[in-house]
Amino acid sequence: MPERVANLERLRALFAAHFHVDVPSDDTDLLETGALDSLQLVDLLLLIEQSFGQRIPIESIDLDHLRSLRRLAQLLAAPAAAAARLPAATPPAGGAADGAVLESLAGESLSGPQGAPQCG
């Protein structure tokens, strides 16, 4: 089975299990239909890292890559994604996302503006 087809099947299962979304087709626009919101996009990147054992470098991410299962599968099969594969012995860090990655996606520090009260 080609890698892209296997990735499509794994992504479809991931969406069903983690987001409780049955994506009607491989080309359904996940953002336009509301199947994914901005917070779920960040969660999706973490789930891909954990489930597929590869990081998608922030600089290679374009919002259009995340719009459909087909585009996600193509991104995962791309040479840049293959170069970012995690070593097999590296387990997910307790399910917690890397703060630097989240800061990059959010465009600002997770701690908020200087002097702002902290949650927690």
N, C-alpha and C. Protein backbone atom coordinates (compact mmCIF):
# COMPACT_ATOMS: atom_id res chain seq x y z
N MET A 1 0.85 -1.18 0.00
CA MET A 1 0.00 0.00 0.00
C MET A 1 0.89 1.24 0.00
N PRO A 2 0.64 2.18 -0.90
CA PRO A 2 1.45 3.41 -0.93
C PRO A 2 1.37 4.16 0.40
N GLU A 3 2.47 4.85 0.71
CA GLU A 3 2.54 5.56 1.99
C GLU A 3 1.41 6.58 2.15
N ARG A 4 1.07 7.29 1.07
CA ARG A 4 0.03 8.31 1.16
C ARG A 4 -1.32 7.69 1.51
N VAL A 5 -1.64 6.53 0.94
CA VAL A 5 -2.91 5.86 1.23
C VAL A 5 -2.93 5.39 2.69
N ALA A 6 -1.82 4.84 3.15
CA ALA A 6 -1.73 4.41 4.55
C ALA A 6 -1.87 5.61 5.48
N ASN A 7 -1.24 6.74 5.12
CA ASN A 7 -1.36 7.95 5.93
C ASN A 7 -2.81 8.45 5.98
N LEU A 8 -3.51 8.38 4.86
CA LEU A 8 -4.92 8.79 4.82
C LEU A 8 -5.75 7.96 5.80
N GLU A 9 -5.53 6.66 5.79
CA GLU A 9 -6.28 5.78 6.69
C GLU A 9 -5.95 6.08 8.15
N ARG A 10 -4.68 6.29 8.45
CA ARG A 10 -4.27 6.60 9.82
C ARG A 10 -4.82 7.96 10.27
N LEU A 11 -4.81 8.94 9.37
CA LEU A 11 -5.35 10.26 9.70
C LEU A 11 -6.86 10.17 9.95
N ARG A 12 -7.56 9.42 9.12
CA ARG A 12 -9.01 9.27 9.29
C ARG A 12 -9.30 8.64 10.66
N ALA A 13 -8.54 7.63 11.04
CA ALA A 13 -8.72 6.99 12.35
C ALA A 13 -8.39 7.96 13.48
N LEU A 14 -7.33 8.76 13.31
CA LEU A 14 -6.93 9.74 14.32
C LEU A 14 -8.05 10.78 14.53
N PHE A 15 -8.64 11.26 13.44
CA PHE A 15 -9.73 12.24 13.54
C PHE A 15 -10.93 11.63 14.26
N ALA A 16 -11.24 10.38 13.95
CA ALA A 16 -12.38 9.73 14.60
C ALA A 16 -12.12 9.54 16.09
N ALA A 17 -10.93 9.08 16.44
CA ALA A 17 -10.61 8.77 17.83
C ALA A 17 -10.41 10.00 18.70
N HIS A 18 -9.72 11.00 18.19
CA HIS A 18 -9.32 12.14 19.02
C HIS A 18 -10.23 13.36 18.90
N PHE A 19 -10.79 13.56 17.70
CA PHE A 19 -11.64 14.74 17.51
C PHE A 19 -13.12 14.37 17.38
N HIS A 20 -13.39 13.06 17.35
CA HIS A 20 -14.77 12.57 17.21
C HIS A 20 -15.43 13.15 15.96
N VAL A 21 -14.64 13.16 14.88
CA VAL A 21 -15.09 13.70 13.60
C VAL A 21 -14.96 12.62 12.54
N ASP A 22 -16.06 12.37 11.85
CA ASP A 22 -16.04 11.45 10.72
C ASP A 22 -15.93 12.33 9.47
N VAL A 23 -14.73 12.41 8.91
CA VAL A 23 -14.49 13.26 7.75
C VAL A 23 -15.11 12.59 6.52
N PRO A 24 -16.06 13.28 5.86
CA PRO A 24 -16.80 12.66 4.76
C PRO A 24 -15.96 12.26 3.55
N SER A 25 -14.93 13.05 3.22
CA SER A 25 -14.07 12.68 2.10
C SER A 25 -12.65 13.17 2.37
N ASP A 26 -11.73 12.64 1.61
CA ASP A 26 -10.32 13.01 1.78
C ASP A 26 -10.06 14.46 1.41
N ASP A 27 -10.97 15.07 0.65
CA ASP A 27 -10.79 16.45 0.20
C ASP A 27 -11.67 17.45 0.93
N THR A 28 -12.40 17.01 1.95
CA THR A 28 -13.23 17.92 2.73
C THR A 28 -12.35 18.97 3.39
N ASP A 29 -12.73 20.25 3.26
CA ASP A 29 -11.97 21.34 3.89
C ASP A 29 -12.30 21.33 5.38
N LEU A 30 -11.33 20.90 6.18
CA LEU A 30 -11.53 20.73 7.62
C LEU A 30 -11.74 22.05 8.35
N LEU A 31 -11.17 23.12 7.82
CA LEU A 31 -11.29 24.43 8.45
C LEU A 31 -12.60 25.10 8.06
N GLU A 32 -12.90 25.09 6.77
CA GLU A 32 -14.11 25.74 6.27
C GLU A 32 -15.38 25.09 6.82
N THR A 33 -15.36 23.77 6.99
CA THR A 33 -16.53 23.06 7.49
C THR A 33 -16.64 23.12 9.01
N GLY A 34 -15.59 23.62 9.68
CA GLY A 34 -15.61 23.69 11.14
C GLY A 34 -15.23 22.39 11.82
N ALA A 35 -14.75 21.42 11.04
CA ALA A 35 -14.33 20.15 11.64
C ALA A 35 -13.14 20.36 12.57
N LEU A 36 -12.31 21.37 12.29
CA LEU A 36 -11.17 21.73 13.13
C LEU A 36 -11.18 23.22 13.39
N ASP A 37 -10.87 23.59 14.64
CA ASP A 37 -10.68 25.00 14.95
C ASP A 37 -9.19 25.24 15.21
N SER A 38 -8.83 26.46 15.52
CA SER A 38 -7.41 26.80 15.66
C SER A 38 -6.72 26.02 16.78
N LEU A 39 -7.39 25.80 17.89
CA LEU A 39 -6.77 25.03 18.97
C LEU A 39 -6.58 23.57 18.58
N GLN A 40 -7.54 23.04 17.84
CA GLN A 40 -7.42 21.66 17.40
C GLN A 40 -6.29 21.50 16.38
N LEU A 41 -5.98 22.55 15.63
CA LEU A 41 -4.86 22.48 14.70
C LEU A 41 -3.55 22.26 15.44
N VAL A 42 -3.37 22.95 16.55
CA VAL A 42 -2.17 22.76 17.37
C VAL A 42 -2.16 21.34 17.93
N ASP A 43 -3.30 20.89 18.42
CA ASP A 43 -3.43 19.53 18.93
C ASP A 43 -3.14 18.51 17.83
N LEU A 44 -3.60 18.79 16.63
CA LEU A 44 -3.36 17.90 15.49
C LEU A 44 -1.87 17.73 15.23
N LEU A 45 -1.12 18.81 15.28
CA LEU A 45 0.33 18.71 15.05
C LEU A 45 0.99 17.84 16.12
N LEU A 46 0.55 17.97 17.35
CA LEU A 46 1.08 17.13 18.42
C LEU A 46 0.69 15.67 18.20
N LEU A 47 -0.56 15.43 17.82
CA LEU A 47 -1.01 14.05 17.57
C LEU A 47 -0.25 13.42 16.41
N ILE A 48 0.03 14.20 15.38
CA ILE A 48 0.81 13.67 14.25
C ILE A 48 2.20 13.28 14.72
N GLU A 49 2.80 14.14 15.54
CA GLU A 49 4.13 13.83 16.07
C GLU A 49 4.10 12.53 16.88
N GLN A 50 3.09 12.36 17.71
CA GLN A 50 2.99 11.17 18.55
C GLN A 50 2.61 9.93 17.74
N SER A 51 1.65 10.06 16.84
CA SER A 51 1.12 8.91 16.12
C SER A 51 1.99 8.47 14.95
N PHE A 52 2.59 9.43 14.25
CA PHE A 52 3.37 9.12 13.07
C PHE A 52 4.86 9.12 13.34
N GLY A 53 5.27 9.60 14.53
CA GLY A 53 6.68 9.61 14.87
C GLY A 53 7.49 10.59 14.04
N GLN A 54 6.86 11.67 13.62
CA GLN A 54 7.60 12.68 12.87
C GLN A 54 7.08 14.07 13.19
N ARG A 55 8.00 15.01 13.18
CA ARG A 55 7.65 16.41 13.40
C ARG A 55 7.48 17.08 12.05
N ILE A 56 6.55 17.98 11.97
CA ILE A 56 6.42 18.81 10.79
C ILE A 56 7.05 20.15 11.16
N PRO A 57 8.18 20.47 10.57
CA PRO A 57 8.85 21.71 10.93
C PRO A 57 7.92 22.92 10.72
N ILE A 58 7.89 23.81 11.70
CA ILE A 58 7.01 24.98 11.66
C ILE A 58 7.19 25.76 10.36
N GLU A 59 8.45 25.92 9.94
CA GLU A 59 8.69 26.72 8.74
C GLU A 59 8.14 26.07 7.47
N SER A 60 7.83 24.78 7.52
CA SER A 60 7.29 24.12 6.33
C SER A 60 5.75 24.08 6.33
N ILE A 61 5.14 24.58 7.39
CA ILE A 61 3.68 24.51 7.49
C ILE A 61 3.04 25.71 6.80
N ASP A 62 2.10 25.39 5.95
CA ASP A 62 1.25 26.38 5.30
C ASP A 62 -0.17 25.95 5.67
N LEU A 63 -1.02 26.90 6.00
CA LEU A 63 -2.38 26.57 6.42
C LEU A 63 -3.08 25.67 5.40
N ASP A 64 -2.77 25.85 4.13
CA ASP A 64 -3.39 25.01 3.10
C ASP A 64 -3.01 23.54 3.25
N HIS A 65 -1.84 23.25 3.84
CA HIS A 65 -1.43 21.86 4.06
C HIS A 65 -2.34 21.16 5.08
N LEU A 66 -3.01 21.93 5.90
CA LEU A 66 -3.80 21.36 7.00
C LEU A 66 -5.30 21.35 6.70
N ARG A 67 -5.68 21.71 5.49
CA ARG A 67 -7.10 21.87 5.15
C ARG A 67 -7.85 20.57 4.91
N SER A 68 -7.17 19.52 4.48
CA SER A 68 -7.87 18.27 4.18
C SER A 68 -6.99 17.09 4.55
N LEU A 69 -7.62 15.93 4.67
CA LEU A 69 -6.85 14.72 4.95
C LEU A 69 -5.85 14.44 3.84
N ARG A 70 -6.27 14.66 2.59
CA ARG A 70 -5.38 14.40 1.46
C ARG A 70 -4.13 15.29 1.54
N ARG A 71 -4.32 16.57 1.84
CA ARG A 71 -3.18 17.48 1.92
C ARG A 71 -2.28 17.14 3.10
N LEU A 72 -2.88 16.74 4.21
CA LEU A 72 -2.08 16.31 5.36
C LEU A 72 -1.25 15.07 5.01
N ALA A 73 -1.87 14.11 4.33
CA ALA A 73 -1.16 12.89 3.94
C ALA A 73 -0.01 13.22 3.00
N GLN A 74 -0.22 14.17 2.08
CA GLN A 74 0.85 14.59 1.17
C GLN A 74 1.99 15.24 1.95
N LEU A 75 1.63 16.06 2.93
CA LEU A 75 2.65 16.71 3.76
C LEU A 75 3.47 15.68 4.53
N LEU A 76 2.80 14.67 5.05
CA LEU A 76 3.50 13.64 5.82
C LEU A 76 4.42 12.80 4.93
N ALA A 77 4.07 12.66 3.67
CA ALA A 77 4.87 11.85 2.75
C ALA A 77 5.98 12.66 2.09
N ALA A 78 5.96 13.99 2.28
CA ALA A 78 6.95 14.87 1.64
C ALA A 78 8.35 14.61 2.19
N PRO A 79 9.37 14.86 1.39
CA PRO A 79 10.76 14.64 1.85
C PRO A 79 11.12 15.44 3.10
N ALA A 80 10.60 16.66 3.24
CA ALA A 80 10.92 17.48 4.43
C ALA A 80 10.40 16.80 5.68
N ALA A 81 9.21 16.22 5.60
CA ALA A 81 8.64 15.53 6.75
C ALA A 81 9.45 14.27 7.05
N ALA A 82 9.90 13.59 6.02
CA ALA A 82 10.70 12.38 6.23
C ALA A 82 12.01 12.72 6.93
N ALA A 83 12.57 13.87 6.63
CA ALA A 83 13.82 14.29 7.28
C ALA A 83 13.60 14.61 8.74
N ALA A 84 12.36 14.91 9.12
CA ALA A 84 12.07 15.29 10.49
C ALA A 84 11.53 14.13 11.32
N ARG A 85 11.64 12.92 10.81
CA ARG A 85 11.15 11.76 11.57
C ARG A 85 11.87 11.68 12.91
N LEU A 86 11.11 11.37 13.92
CA LEU A 86 11.68 11.22 15.25
C LEU A 86 12.38 9.88 15.36
N PRO A 87 13.44 9.79 16.14
CA PRO A 87 14.04 8.47 16.38
C PRO A 87 13.02 7.56 17.04
N ALA A 88 13.05 6.29 16.70
CA ALA A 88 12.07 5.33 17.20
C ALA A 88 12.06 5.26 18.72
N ALA A 89 13.19 5.50 19.36
CA ALA A 89 13.28 5.38 20.80
C ALA A 89 12.75 6.61 21.54
N THR A 90 12.35 7.66 20.83
CA THR A 90 11.89 8.88 21.48
C THR A 90 10.40 8.81 21.73
N PRO A 91 9.98 8.56 22.98
CA PRO A 91 8.55 8.52 23.27
C PRO A 91 8.00 9.93 23.37
N PRO A 92 6.68 10.09 23.19
CA PRO A 92 6.08 11.41 23.39
C PRO A 92 6.34 11.89 24.81
N ALA A 93 6.56 13.15 24.98
CA ALA A 93 6.89 13.72 26.29
C ALA A 93 5.66 13.84 27.16
N GLY A 94 5.14 12.72 27.62
CA GLY A 94 4.01 12.72 28.54
C GLY A 94 2.76 13.38 27.98
N GLY A 95 2.67 13.46 26.65
CA GLY A 95 1.51 14.07 26.04
C GLY A 95 1.55 15.59 26.05
N ALA A 96 2.59 16.17 26.62
CA ALA A 96 2.68 17.63 26.67
C ALA A 96 3.39 18.14 25.43
N ALA A 97 2.88 19.21 24.86
CA ALA A 97 3.48 19.79 23.67
C ALA A 97 4.73 20.56 24.04
N ASP A 98 5.66 20.64 23.13
CA ASP A 98 6.87 21.41 23.33
C ASP A 98 6.49 22.88 23.34
N GLY A 99 6.85 23.60 24.39
CA GLY A 99 6.48 25.00 24.56
C GLY A 99 6.95 25.88 23.42
N ALA A 100 8.16 25.62 22.91
CA ALA A 100 8.68 26.45 21.82
C ALA A 100 7.83 26.29 20.57
N VAL A 101 7.37 25.07 20.28
CA VAL A 101 6.53 24.85 19.12
C VAL A 101 5.22 25.59 19.27
N LEU A 102 4.61 25.47 20.44
CA LEU A 102 3.34 26.16 20.67
C LEU A 102 3.51 27.66 20.62
N GLU A 103 4.63 28.17 21.16
CA GLU A 103 4.88 29.61 21.10
C GLU A 103 4.99 30.06 19.65
N SER A 104 5.67 29.27 18.83
CA SER A 104 5.81 29.63 17.43
C SER A 104 4.46 29.67 16.74
N LEU A 105 3.61 28.70 17.04
CA LEU A 105 2.29 28.66 16.42
C LEU A 105 1.41 29.79 16.92
N ALA A 106 1.51 30.10 18.19
CA ALA A 106 0.67 31.13 18.77
C ALA A 106 1.16 32.52 18.40
N GLY A 107 2.43 32.64 18.07
CA GLY A 107 2.98 33.92 17.68
C GLY A 107 3.35 34.79 18.87
N GLU A 108 3.23 34.26 20.06
CA GLU A 108 3.63 35.00 21.25
C GLU A 108 3.95 34.01 22.34
N SER A 109 4.56 34.48 23.39
CA SER A 109 4.95 33.61 24.49
C SER A 109 3.72 33.04 25.19
N LEU A 110 3.83 31.78 25.60
CA LEU A 110 2.73 31.15 26.33
C LEU A 110 2.52 31.81 27.68
N SER A 111 3.54 32.49 28.19
CA SER A 111 3.41 33.12 29.49
C SER A 111 2.66 34.44 29.41
N GLY A 112 2.37 34.91 28.21
CA GLY A 112 1.61 36.13 28.03
C GLY A 112 2.50 37.35 28.12
N PRO A 113 1.90 38.51 28.01
CA PRO A 113 2.68 39.75 28.07
C PRO A 113 3.39 39.87 29.41
N GLN A 114 4.53 40.57 29.40
CA GLN A 114 5.27 40.76 30.64
C GLN A 114 4.39 41.43 31.67
N GLY A 115 4.44 40.94 32.88
CA GLY A 115 3.67 41.52 33.97
C GLY A 115 2.23 41.06 34.03
N ALA A 116 1.79 40.26 33.05
CA ALA A 116 0.42 39.78 33.06
C ALA A 116 0.27 38.67 34.09
N PRO A 117 -0.86 38.57 34.74
CA PRO A 117 -1.06 37.46 35.69
C PRO A 117 -0.98 36.13 34.96
N GLN A 118 -0.43 35.16 35.63
CA GLN A 118 -0.26 33.82 35.05
C GLN A 118 -1.37 32.91 35.52
N CYS A 119 -1.82 32.06 34.63
CA CYS A 119 -2.83 31.04 34.99
C CYS A 119 -2.10 29.86 35.60
N GLY A 120 -2.77 29.18 36.47
CA GLY A 120 -2.18 27.93 36.92
C GLY A 120 -2.02 27.87 38.35
